[in-house]
Amino acid sequence: MPKHDYRIARGEILRMLYRMYPDAVGDNVIESTFIWITPGVIKGHVQFLIDSGYATREEVDHEKYAFSTANYILKIVPKGIDLLEGNIEKDPGIQTPPM
């Protein structure tokens, strides 16, 4: 996947989180939605979003939620919402899709 496509994929993942807000999204849902991106590459995109302060990650407690197939859940934070809504300066690592 060319690097410019990475920017698009990160933007689409962030947009998915935006649509689900205030709820979080499981990694299994993200991977099944973006089937053309390998799980390893998705993990890199997720880490980028977390490191940039646009999303948070929480591990799923399988003892408490034995029915869940997700390993973690991802949730957009206000900075991510501001990025997508154009309230803060664009990030060169993310192509924000039209809302």
PDB file of N, CA and C in Angstrom:
ATOM      1  N   MET A   1       0.856  -1.178   0.000  1.00  0.00           N
ATOM      2  CA  MET A   1       0.000   0.000   0.000  1.00  0.00           C
ATOM      3  C   MET A   1       0.898   1.237   0.000  1.00  0.00           C
ATOM      4  N   PRO A   2       0.763   2.110  -1.011  1.00  0.00           N
ATOM      5  CA  PRO A   2       1.561   3.339  -1.039  1.00  0.00           C
ATOM      6  C   PRO A   2       1.300   4.209   0.187  1.00  0.00           C
ATOM      7  N   LYS A   3       2.298   5.001   0.557  1.00  0.00           N
ATOM      8  CA  LYS A   3       2.190   5.810   1.768  1.00  0.00           C
ATOM      9  C   LYS A   3       1.020   6.787   1.734  1.00  0.00           C
ATOM     10  N   HIS A   4       0.676   7.323   0.553  1.00  0.00           N
ATOM     11  CA  HIS A   4      -0.474   8.240   0.510  1.00  0.00           C
ATOM     12  C   HIS A   4      -1.769   7.505   0.843  1.00  0.00           C
ATOM     13  N   ASP A   5      -1.806   6.198   0.555  1.00  0.00           N
ATOM     14  CA  ASP A   5      -2.978   5.407   0.934  1.00  0.00           C
ATOM     15  C   ASP A   5      -3.057   5.222   2.443  1.00  0.00           C
ATOM     16  N   TYR A   6      -1.906   5.240   3.117  1.00  0.00           N
ATOM     17  CA  TYR A   6      -1.904   5.163   4.578  1.00  0.00           C
ATOM     18  C   TYR A   6      -2.651   6.362   5.162  1.00  0.00           C
ATOM     19  N   ARG A   7      -2.432   7.518   4.598  1.00  0.00           N
ATOM     20  CA  ARG A   7      -3.114   8.724   5.064  1.00  0.00           C
ATOM     21  C   ARG A   7      -4.631   8.582   4.911  1.00  0.00           C
ATOM     22  N   ILE A   8      -5.042   8.008   3.789  1.00  0.00           N
ATOM     23  CA  ILE A   8      -6.471   7.800   3.527  1.00  0.00           C
ATOM     24  C   ILE A   8      -7.044   6.790   4.526  1.00  0.00           C
ATOM     25  N   ALA A   9      -6.348   5.676   4.742  1.00  0.00           N
ATOM     26  CA  ALA A   9      -6.825   4.642   5.667  1.00  0.00           C
ATOM     27  C   ALA A   9      -6.961   5.196   7.077  1.00  0.00           C
ATOM     28  N   ARG A  10      -5.978   5.961   7.533  1.00  0.00           N
ATOM     29  CA  ARG A  10      -6.068   6.558   8.880  1.00  0.00           C
ATOM     30  C   ARG A  10      -7.278   7.482   8.978  1.00  0.00           C
ATOM     31  N   GLY A  11      -7.508   8.262   7.932  1.00  0.00           N
ATOM     32  CA  GLY A  11      -8.665   9.155   7.930  1.00  0.00           C
ATOM     33  C   GLY A  11      -9.979   8.397   7.967  1.00  0.00           C
ATOM     34  N   GLU A  12     -10.044   7.297   7.235  1.00  0.00           N
ATOM     35  CA  GLU A  12     -11.275   6.495   7.221  1.00  0.00           C
ATOM     36  C   GLU A  12     -11.519   5.813   8.570  1.00  0.00           C
ATOM     37  N   ILE A  13     -10.460   5.332   9.200  1.00  0.00           N
ATOM     38  CA  ILE A  13     -10.619   4.728  10.539  1.00  0.00           C
ATOM     39  C   ILE A  13     -11.104   5.787  11.514  1.00  0.00           C
ATOM     40  N   LEU A  14     -10.503   6.959  11.470  1.00  0.00           N
ATOM     41  CA  LEU A  14     -10.918   8.038  12.371  1.00  0.00           C
ATOM     42  C   LEU A  14     -12.366   8.447  12.102  1.00  0.00           C
ATOM     43  N   ARG A  15     -12.742   8.480  10.845  1.00  0.00           N
ATOM     44  CA  ARG A  15     -14.126   8.822  10.501  1.00  0.00           C
ATOM     45  C   ARG A  15     -15.097   7.773  11.039  1.00  0.00           C
ATOM     46  N   MET A  16     -14.715   6.509  10.991  1.00  0.00           N
ATOM     47  CA  MET A  16     -15.548   5.443  11.542  1.00  0.00           C
ATOM     48  C   MET A  16     -15.765   5.673  13.040  1.00  0.00           C
ATOM     49  N   LEU A  17     -14.691   6.023  13.742  1.00  0.00           N
ATOM     50  CA  LEU A  17     -14.803   6.287  15.178  1.00  0.00           C
ATOM     51  C   LEU A  17     -15.706   7.496  15.440  1.00  0.00           C
ATOM     52  N   TYR A  18     -15.608   8.493  14.563  1.00  0.00           N
ATOM     53  CA  TYR A  18     -16.438   9.696  14.677  1.00  0.00           C
ATOM     54  C   TYR A  18     -17.923   9.336  14.565  1.00  0.00           C
ATOM     55  N   ARG A  19     -18.226   8.492  13.608  1.00  0.00           N
ATOM     56  CA  ARG A  19     -19.630   8.089  13.406  1.00  0.00           C
ATOM     57  C   ARG A  19     -20.176   7.302  14.586  1.00  0.00           C
ATOM     58  N   MET A  20     -19.318   6.577  15.284  1.00  0.00           N
ATOM     59  CA  MET A  20     -19.758   5.748  16.402  1.00  0.00           C
ATOM     60  C   MET A  20     -19.780   6.511  17.726  1.00  0.00           C
ATOM     61  N   TYR A  21     -19.163   7.675  17.767  1.00  0.00           N
ATOM     62  CA  TYR A  21     -19.064   8.449  18.999  1.00  0.00           C
ATOM     63  C   TYR A  21     -20.439   8.716  19.592  1.00  0.00           C
ATOM     64  N   PRO A  22     -20.641   8.529  20.877  1.00  0.00           N
ATOM     65  CA  PRO A  22     -19.667   8.385  21.955  1.00  0.00           C
ATOM     66  C   PRO A  22     -19.265   6.938  22.259  1.00  0.00           C
ATOM     67  N   ASP A  23     -19.712   6.006  21.451  1.00  0.00           N
ATOM     68  CA  ASP A  23     -19.350   4.611  21.680  1.00  0.00           C
ATOM     69  C   ASP A  23     -17.974   4.305  21.108  1.00  0.00           C
ATOM     70  N   ALA A  24     -17.391   3.227  21.583  1.00  0.00           N
ATOM     71  CA  ALA A  24     -16.095   2.757  21.098  1.00  0.00           C
ATOM     72  C   ALA A  24     -16.317   1.663  20.060  1.00  0.00           C
ATOM     73  N   VAL A  25     -15.256   1.319  19.340  1.00  0.00           N
ATOM     74  CA  VAL A  25     -15.323   0.300  18.295  1.00  0.00           C
ATOM     75  C   VAL A  25     -14.257  -0.751  18.585  1.00  0.00           C
ATOM     76  N   GLY A  26     -14.638  -2.019  18.493  1.00  0.00           N
ATOM     77  CA  GLY A  26     -13.701  -3.111  18.718  1.00  0.00           C
ATOM     78  C   GLY A  26     -12.758  -3.295  17.541  1.00  0.00           C
ATOM     79  N   ASP A  27     -11.559  -3.797  17.831  1.00  0.00           N
ATOM     80  CA  ASP A  27     -10.594  -4.045  16.759  1.00  0.00           C
ATOM     81  C   ASP A  27     -11.133  -5.039  15.743  1.00  0.00           C
ATOM     82  N   ASN A  28     -11.958  -5.972  16.204  1.00  0.00           N
ATOM     83  CA  ASN A  28     -12.533  -6.953  15.284  1.00  0.00           C
ATOM     84  C   ASN A  28     -13.477  -6.291  14.275  1.00  0.00           C
ATOM     85  N   VAL A  29     -14.172  -5.244  14.691  1.00  0.00           N
ATOM     86  CA  VAL A  29     -15.067  -4.521  13.788  1.00  0.00           C
ATOM     87  C   VAL A  29     -14.245  -3.722  12.773  1.00  0.00           C
ATOM     88  N   ILE A  30     -13.189  -3.087  13.245  1.00  0.00           N
ATOM     89  CA  ILE A  30     -12.332  -2.317  12.347  1.00  0.00           C
ATOM     90  C   ILE A  30     -11.711  -3.246  11.302  1.00  0.00           C
ATOM     91  N   GLU A  31     -11.193  -4.388  11.741  1.00  0.00           N
ATOM     92  CA  GLU A  31     -10.559  -5.329  10.808  1.00  0.00           C
ATOM     93  C   GLU A  31     -11.560  -5.915   9.817  1.00  0.00           C
ATOM     94  N   SER A  32     -12.791  -6.163  10.241  1.00  0.00           N
ATOM     95  CA  SER A  32     -13.778  -6.724   9.317  1.00  0.00           C
ATOM     96  C   SER A  32     -14.343  -5.657   8.379  1.00  0.00           C
ATOM     97  N   THR A  33     -14.234  -4.392   8.748  1.00  0.00           N
ATOM     98  CA  THR A  33     -14.680  -3.308   7.882  1.00  0.00           C
ATOM     99  C   THR A  33     -13.640  -3.009   6.806  1.00  0.00           C
ATOM    100  N   PHE A  34     -12.390  -2.976   7.192  1.00  0.00           N
ATOM    101  CA  PHE A  34     -11.302  -2.644   6.272  1.00  0.00           C
ATOM    102  C   PHE A  34     -10.570  -3.925   5.861  1.00  0.00           C
ATOM    103  N   ILE A  35     -11.285  -4.811   5.188  1.00  0.00           N
ATOM    104  CA  ILE A  35     -10.742  -6.135   4.862  1.00  0.00           C
ATOM    105  C   ILE A  35      -9.577  -6.086   3.880  1.00  0.00           C
ATOM    106  N   TRP A  36      -9.415  -5.005   3.152  1.00  0.00           N
ATOM    107  CA  TRP A  36      -8.322  -4.888   2.195  1.00  0.00           C
ATOM    108  C   TRP A  36      -7.010  -4.460   2.859  1.00  0.00           C
ATOM    109  N   ILE A  37      -7.064  -4.153   4.158  1.00  0.00           N
ATOM    110  CA  ILE A  37      -5.869  -3.764   4.903  1.00  0.00           C
ATOM    111  C   ILE A  37      -5.531  -4.892   5.879  1.00  0.00           C
ATOM    112  N   THR A  38      -4.297  -5.322   5.883  1.00  0.00           N
ATOM    113  CA  THR A  38      -3.912  -6.423   6.774  1.00  0.00           C
ATOM    114  C   THR A  38      -4.006  -5.981   8.236  1.00  0.00           C
ATOM    115  N   PRO A  39      -4.285  -6.928   9.137  1.00  0.00           N
ATOM    116  CA  PRO A  39      -4.380  -6.578  10.560  1.00  0.00           C
ATOM    117  C   PRO A  39      -3.126  -5.889  11.105  1.00  0.00           C
ATOM    118  N   GLY A  40      -1.968  -6.301  10.625  1.00  0.00           N
ATOM    119  CA  GLY A  40      -0.731  -5.663  11.084  1.00  0.00           C
ATOM    120  C   GLY A  40      -0.652  -4.203  10.697  1.00  0.00           C
ATOM    121  N   VAL A  41      -1.082  -3.891   9.493  1.00  0.00           N
ATOM    122  CA  VAL A  41      -1.077  -2.500   9.028  1.00  0.00           C
ATOM    123  C   VAL A  41      -2.129  -1.694   9.787  1.00  0.00           C
ATOM    124  N   ILE A  42      -3.281  -2.292  10.048  1.00  0.00           N
ATOM    125  CA  ILE A  42      -4.318  -1.613  10.837  1.00  0.00           C
ATOM    126  C   ILE A  42      -3.775  -1.275  12.222  1.00  0.00           C
ATOM    127  N   LYS A  43      -3.046  -2.197  12.831  1.00  0.00           N
ATOM    128  CA  LYS A  43      -2.470  -1.932  14.160  1.00  0.00           C
ATOM    129  C   LYS A  43      -1.560  -0.713  14.116  1.00  0.00           C
ATOM    130  N   GLY A  44      -0.798  -0.580  13.037  1.00  0.00           N
ATOM    131  CA  GLY A  44       0.063   0.586  12.884  1.00  0.00           C
ATOM    132  C   GLY A  44      -0.737   1.871  12.767  1.00  0.00           C
ATOM    133  N   HIS A  45      -1.818   1.839  11.998  1.00  0.00           N
ATOM    134  CA  HIS A  45      -2.682   3.019  11.855  1.00  0.00           C
ATOM    135  C   HIS A  45      -3.318   3.384  13.193  1.00  0.00           C
ATOM    136  N   VAL A  46      -3.781   2.378  13.916  1.00  0.00           N
ATOM    137  CA  VAL A  46      -4.394   2.610  15.224  1.00  0.00           C
ATOM    138  C   VAL A  46      -3.370   3.242  16.164  1.00  0.00           C
ATOM    139  N   GLN A  47      -2.159   2.722  16.163  1.00  0.00           N
ATOM    140  CA  GLN A  47      -1.122   3.274  17.036  1.00  0.00           C
ATOM    141  C   GLN A  47      -0.809   4.718  16.664  1.00  0.00           C
ATOM    142  N   PHE A  48      -0.796   5.017  15.374  1.00  0.00           N
ATOM    143  CA  PHE A  48      -0.577   6.396  14.921  1.00  0.00           C
ATOM    144  C   PHE A  48      -1.659   7.317  15.482  1.00  0.00           C
ATOM    145  N   LEU A  49      -2.922   6.889  15.389  1.00  0.00           N
ATOM    146  CA  LEU A  49      -4.029   7.704  15.891  1.00  0.00           C
ATOM    147  C   LEU A  49      -3.922   7.920  17.401  1.00  0.00           C
ATOM    148  N   ILE A  50      -3.503   6.883  18.112  1.00  0.00           N
ATOM    149  CA  ILE A  50      -3.336   6.994  19.569  1.00  0.00           C
ATOM    150  C   ILE A  50      -2.168   7.923  19.898  1.00  0.00           C
ATOM    151  N   ASP A  51      -1.021   7.685  19.260  1.00  0.00           N
ATOM    152  CA  ASP A  51       0.169   8.504  19.525  1.00  0.00           C
ATOM    153  C   ASP A  51      -0.042   9.969  19.178  1.00  0.00           C
ATOM    154  N   SER A  52      -0.882  10.232  18.187  1.00  0.00           N
ATOM    155  CA  SER A  52      -1.171  11.606  17.770  1.00  0.00           C
ATOM    156  C   SER A  52      -2.231  12.264  18.643  1.00  0.00           C
ATOM    157  N   GLY A  53      -2.839  11.501  19.539  1.00  0.00           N
ATOM    158  CA  GLY A  53      -3.827  12.058  20.454  1.00  0.00           C
ATOM    159  C   GLY A  53      -5.227  12.166  19.890  1.00  0.00           C
ATOM    160  N   TYR A  54      -5.526  11.400  18.829  1.00  0.00           N
ATOM    161  CA  TYR A  54      -6.850  11.454  18.210  1.00  0.00           C
ATOM    162  C   TYR A  54      -7.791  10.358  18.705  1.00  0.00           C
ATOM    163  N   ALA A  55      -7.247   9.346  19.346  1.00  0.00           N
ATOM    164  CA  ALA A  55      -8.058   8.222  19.814  1.00  0.00           C
ATOM    165  C   ALA A  55      -7.419   7.612  21.065  1.00  0.00           C
ATOM    166  N   THR A  56      -8.231   6.853  21.790  1.00  0.00           N
ATOM    167  CA  THR A  56      -7.728   6.100  22.937  1.00  0.00           C
ATOM    168  C   THR A  56      -8.033   4.628  22.738  1.00  0.00           C
ATOM    169  N   ARG A  57      -7.248   3.802  23.367  1.00  0.00           N
ATOM    170  CA  ARG A  57      -7.390   2.352  23.263  1.00  0.00           C
ATOM    171  C   ARG A  57      -7.561   1.775  24.665  1.00  0.00           C
ATOM    172  N   GLU A  58      -8.483   0.815  24.769  1.00  0.00           N
ATOM    173  CA  GLU A  58      -8.705   0.123  26.044  1.00  0.00           C
ATOM    174  C   GLU A  58      -8.773  -1.369  25.772  1.00  0.00           C
ATOM    175  N   GLU A  59      -7.994  -2.121  26.510  1.00  0.00           N
ATOM    176  CA  GLU A  59      -7.995  -3.574  26.358  1.00  0.00           C
ATOM    177  C   GLU A  59      -9.325  -4.139  26.849  1.00  0.00           C
ATOM    178  N   VAL A  60      -9.806  -5.187  26.195  1.00  0.00           N
ATOM    179  CA  VAL A  60     -11.059  -5.842  26.596  1.00  0.00           C
ATOM    180  C   VAL A  60     -10.742  -6.867  27.669  1.00  0.00           C
ATOM    181  N   ASP A  61     -11.458  -6.803  28.762  1.00  0.00           N
ATOM    182  CA  ASP A  61     -11.308  -7.764  29.858  1.00  0.00           C
ATOM    183  C   ASP A  61     -12.133  -9.005  29.510  1.00  0.00           C
ATOM    184  N   HIS A  62     -11.463 -10.039  29.012  1.00  0.00           N
ATOM    185  CA  HIS A  62     -12.170 -11.245  28.567  1.00  0.00           C
ATOM    186  C   HIS A  62     -12.751 -12.059  29.718  1.00  0.00           C
ATOM    187  N   GLU A  63     -12.261 -11.856  30.920  1.00  0.00           N
ATOM    188  CA  GLU A  63     -12.888 -12.522  32.068  1.00  0.00           C
ATOM    189  C   GLU A  63     -14.247 -11.898  32.355  1.00  0.00           C
ATOM    190  N   LYS A  64     -14.339 -10.600  32.157  1.00  0.00           N
ATOM    191  CA  LYS A  64     -15.591  -9.896  32.390  1.00  0.00           C
ATOM    192  C   LYS A  64     -16.532 -10.013  31.191  1.00  0.00           C
ATOM    193  N   TYR A  65     -15.961  -9.974  29.984  1.00  0.00           N
ATOM    194  CA  TYR A  65     -16.746 -10.036  28.753  1.00  0.00           C
ATOM    195  C   TYR A  65     -16.305 -11.240  27.930  1.00  0.00           C
ATOM    196  N   ALA A  66     -16.594 -12.409  28.421  1.00  0.00           N
ATOM    197  CA  ALA A  66     -16.158 -13.646  27.775  1.00  0.00           C
ATOM    198  C   ALA A  66     -16.731 -13.807  26.372  1.00  0.00           C
ATOM    199  N   PHE A  67     -17.844 -13.164  26.099  1.00  0.00           N
ATOM    200  CA  PHE A  67     -18.498 -13.286  24.797  1.00  0.00           C
ATOM    201  C   PHE A  67     -17.810 -12.447  23.720  1.00  0.00           C
ATOM    202  N   SER A  68     -16.985 -11.503  24.108  1.00  0.00           N
ATOM    203  CA  SER A  68     -16.385 -10.581  23.152  1.00  0.00           C
ATOM    204  C   SER A  68     -15.232 -11.232  22.388  1.00  0.00           C
ATOM    205  N   THR A  69     -15.184 -10.974  21.088  1.00  0.00           N
ATOM    206  CA  THR A  69     -14.060 -11.437  20.272  1.00  0.00           C
ATOM    207  C   THR A  69     -13.060 -10.316  20.034  1.00  0.00           C
ATOM    208  N   ALA A  70     -13.336  -9.128  20.555  1.00  0.00           N
ATOM    209  CA  ALA A  70     -12.410  -8.001  20.408  1.00  0.00           C
ATOM    210  C   ALA A  70     -11.282  -8.117  21.417  1.00  0.00           C
ATOM    211  N   ASN A  71     -10.107  -7.685  21.017  1.00  0.00           N
ATOM    212  CA  ASN A  71      -8.966  -7.633  21.931  1.00  0.00           C
ATOM    213  C   ASN A  71      -8.874  -6.269  22.604  1.00  0.00           C
ATOM    214  N   TYR A  72      -9.296  -5.234  21.879  1.00  0.00           N
ATOM    215  CA  TYR A  72      -9.312  -3.891  22.426  1.00  0.00           C
ATOM    216  C   TYR A  72     -10.417  -3.089  21.757  1.00  0.00           C
ATOM    217  N   ILE A  73     -10.768  -1.970  22.396  1.00  0.00           N
ATOM    218  CA  ILE A  73     -11.721  -1.050  21.795  1.00  0.00           C
ATOM    219  C   ILE A  73     -11.022   0.287  21.587  1.00  0.00           C
ATOM    220  N   LEU A  74     -11.441   0.982  20.552  1.00  0.00           N
ATOM    221  CA  LEU A  74     -10.850   2.255  20.164  1.00  0.00           C
ATOM    222  C   LEU A  74     -11.951   3.301  20.180  1.00  0.00           C
ATOM    223  N   LYS A  75     -11.616   4.487  20.691  1.00  0.00           N
ATOM    224  CA  LYS A  75     -12.607   5.554  20.784  1.00  0.00           C
ATOM    225  C   LYS A  75     -11.969   6.885  20.381  1.00  0.00           C
ATOM    226  N   ILE A  76     -12.681   7.657  19.606  1.00  0.00           N
ATOM    227  CA  ILE A  76     -12.202   8.983  19.221  1.00  0.00           C
ATOM    228  C   ILE A  76     -12.276   9.910  20.434  1.00  0.00           C
ATOM    229  N   VAL A  77     -11.346  10.848  20.507  1.00  0.00           N
ATOM    230  CA  VAL A  77     -11.329  11.842  21.583  1.00  0.00           C
ATOM    231  C   VAL A  77     -11.589  13.215  20.964  1.00  0.00           C
ATOM    232  N   PRO A  78     -11.833  14.246  21.787  1.00  0.00           N
ATOM    233  CA  PRO A  78     -12.164  15.560  21.231  1.00  0.00           C
ATOM    234  C   PRO A  78     -11.170  16.084  20.185  1.00  0.00           C
ATOM    235  N   LYS A  79      -9.888  15.842  20.348  1.00  0.00           N
ATOM    236  CA  LYS A  79      -8.910  16.300  19.360  1.00  0.00           C
ATOM    237  C   LYS A  79      -9.168  15.658  17.995  1.00  0.00           C
ATOM    238  N   GLY A  80      -9.563  14.400  17.988  1.00  0.00           N
ATOM    239  CA  GLY A  80      -9.887  13.717  16.733  1.00  0.00           C
ATOM    240  C   GLY A  80     -11.138  14.298  16.089  1.00  0.00           C
ATOM    241  N   ILE A  81     -12.111  14.625  16.900  1.00  0.00           N
ATOM    242  CA  ILE A  81     -13.341  15.256  16.396  1.00  0.00           C
ATOM    243  C   ILE A  81     -13.000  16.616  15.805  1.00  0.00           C
ATOM    244  N   ASP A  82     -12.183  17.389  16.521  1.00  0.00           N
ATOM    245  CA  ASP A  82     -11.787  18.705  16.016  1.00  0.00           C
ATOM    246  C   ASP A  82     -11.040  18.600  14.692  1.00  0.00           C
ATOM    247  N   LEU A  83     -10.194  17.589  14.543  1.00  0.00           N
ATOM    248  CA  LEU A  83      -9.474  17.399  13.289  1.00  0.00           C
ATOM    249  C   LEU A  83     -10.444  17.151  12.138  1.00  0.00           C
ATOM    250  N   LEU A  84     -11.384  16.244  12.340  1.00  0.00           N
ATOM    251  CA  LEU A  84     -12.335  15.916  11.284  1.00  0.00           C
ATOM    252  C   LEU A  84     -13.279  17.068  10.961  1.00  0.00           C
ATOM    253  N   GLU A  85     -13.619  17.859  11.960  1.00  0.00           N
ATOM    254  CA  GLU A  85     -14.536  18.979  11.742  1.00  0.00           C
ATOM    255  C   GLU A  85     -13.823  20.235  11.248  1.00  0.00           C
ATOM    256  N   GLY A  86     -12.482  20.164  11.138  1.00  0.00           N
ATOM    257  CA  GLY A  86     -11.718  21.292  10.631  1.00  0.00           C
ATOM    258  C   GLY A  86     -11.476  22.398  11.637  1.00  0.00           C
ATOM    259  N   ASN A  87     -11.612  22.088  12.918  1.00  0.00           N
ATOM    260  CA  ASN A  87     -11.425  23.090  13.965  1.00  0.00           C
ATOM    261  C   ASN A  87      -9.962  23.276  14.358  1.00  0.00           C
ATOM    262  N   ILE A  88      -9.105  22.340  13.969  1.00  0.00           N
ATOM    263  CA  ILE A  88      -7.672  22.452  14.228  1.00  0.00           C
ATOM    264  C   ILE A  88      -6.935  22.235  12.910  1.00  0.00           C
ATOM    265  N   GLU A  89      -5.654  22.552  12.922  1.00  0.00           N
ATOM    266  CA  GLU A  89      -4.835  22.432  11.724  1.00  0.00           C
ATOM    267  C   GLU A  89      -4.780  20.978  11.243  1.00  0.00           C
ATOM    268  N   LYS A  90      -4.767  20.793   9.935  1.00  0.00           N
ATOM    269  CA  LYS A  90      -4.705  19.454   9.346  1.00  0.00           C
ATOM    270  C   LYS A  90      -3.429  18.744   9.768  1.00  0.00           C
ATOM    271  N   ASP A  91      -3.515  17.427   9.854  1.00  0.00           N
ATOM    272  CA  ASP A  91      -2.369  16.580  10.171  1.00  0.00           C
ATOM    273  C   ASP A  91      -1.854  15.999   8.858  1.00  0.00           C
ATOM    274  N   PRO A  92      -0.567  16.172   8.535  1.00  0.00           N
ATOM    275  CA  PRO A  92      -0.052  15.643   7.266  1.00  0.00           C
ATOM    276  C   PRO A  92      -0.085  14.115   7.180  1.00  0.00           C
ATOM    277  N   GLY A  93      -0.250  13.440   8.300  1.00  0.00           N
ATOM    278  CA  GLY A  93      -0.298  11.985   8.306  1.00  0.00           C
ATOM    279  C   GLY A  93      -1.688  11.404   8.135  1.00  0.00           C
ATOM    280  N   ILE A  94      -2.681  12.274   8.030  1.00  0.00           N
ATOM    281  CA  ILE A  94      -4.069  11.832   7.931  1.00  0.00           C
ATOM    282  C   ILE A  94      -4.770  12.641   6.846  1.00  0.00           C
ATOM    283  N   GLN A  95      -5.375  11.939   5.898  1.00  0.00           N
ATOM    284  CA  GLN A  95      -6.221  12.619   4.927  1.00  0.00           C
ATOM    285  C   GLN A  95      -7.634  12.571   5.466  1.00  0.00           C
ATOM    286  N   THR A  96      -8.151  13.710   5.844  1.00  0.00           N
ATOM    287  CA  THR A  96      -9.496  13.739   6.422  1.00  0.00           C
ATOM    288  C   THR A  96     -10.522  13.706   5.307  1.00  0.00           C
ATOM    289  N   PRO A  97     -11.365  12.672   5.325  1.00  0.00           N
ATOM    290  CA  PRO A  97     -12.406  12.564   4.296  1.00  0.00           C
ATOM    291  C   PRO A  97     -13.481  13.615   4.490  1.00  0.00           C
ATOM    292  N   PRO A  98     -14.185  13.979   3.421  1.00  0.00           N
ATOM    293  CA  PRO A  98     -15.293  14.938   3.575  1.00  0.00           C
ATOM    294  C   PRO A  98     -16.349  14.385   4.522  1.00  0.00           C
ATOM    295  N   MET A  99     -16.901  15.263   5.323  1.00  0.00           N
ATOM    296  CA  MET A  99     -17.914  14.841   6.291  1.00  0.00           C
ATOM    297  C   MET A  99     -19.268  14.818   5.666  1.00  0.00           C
TER     298      MET A  99
END
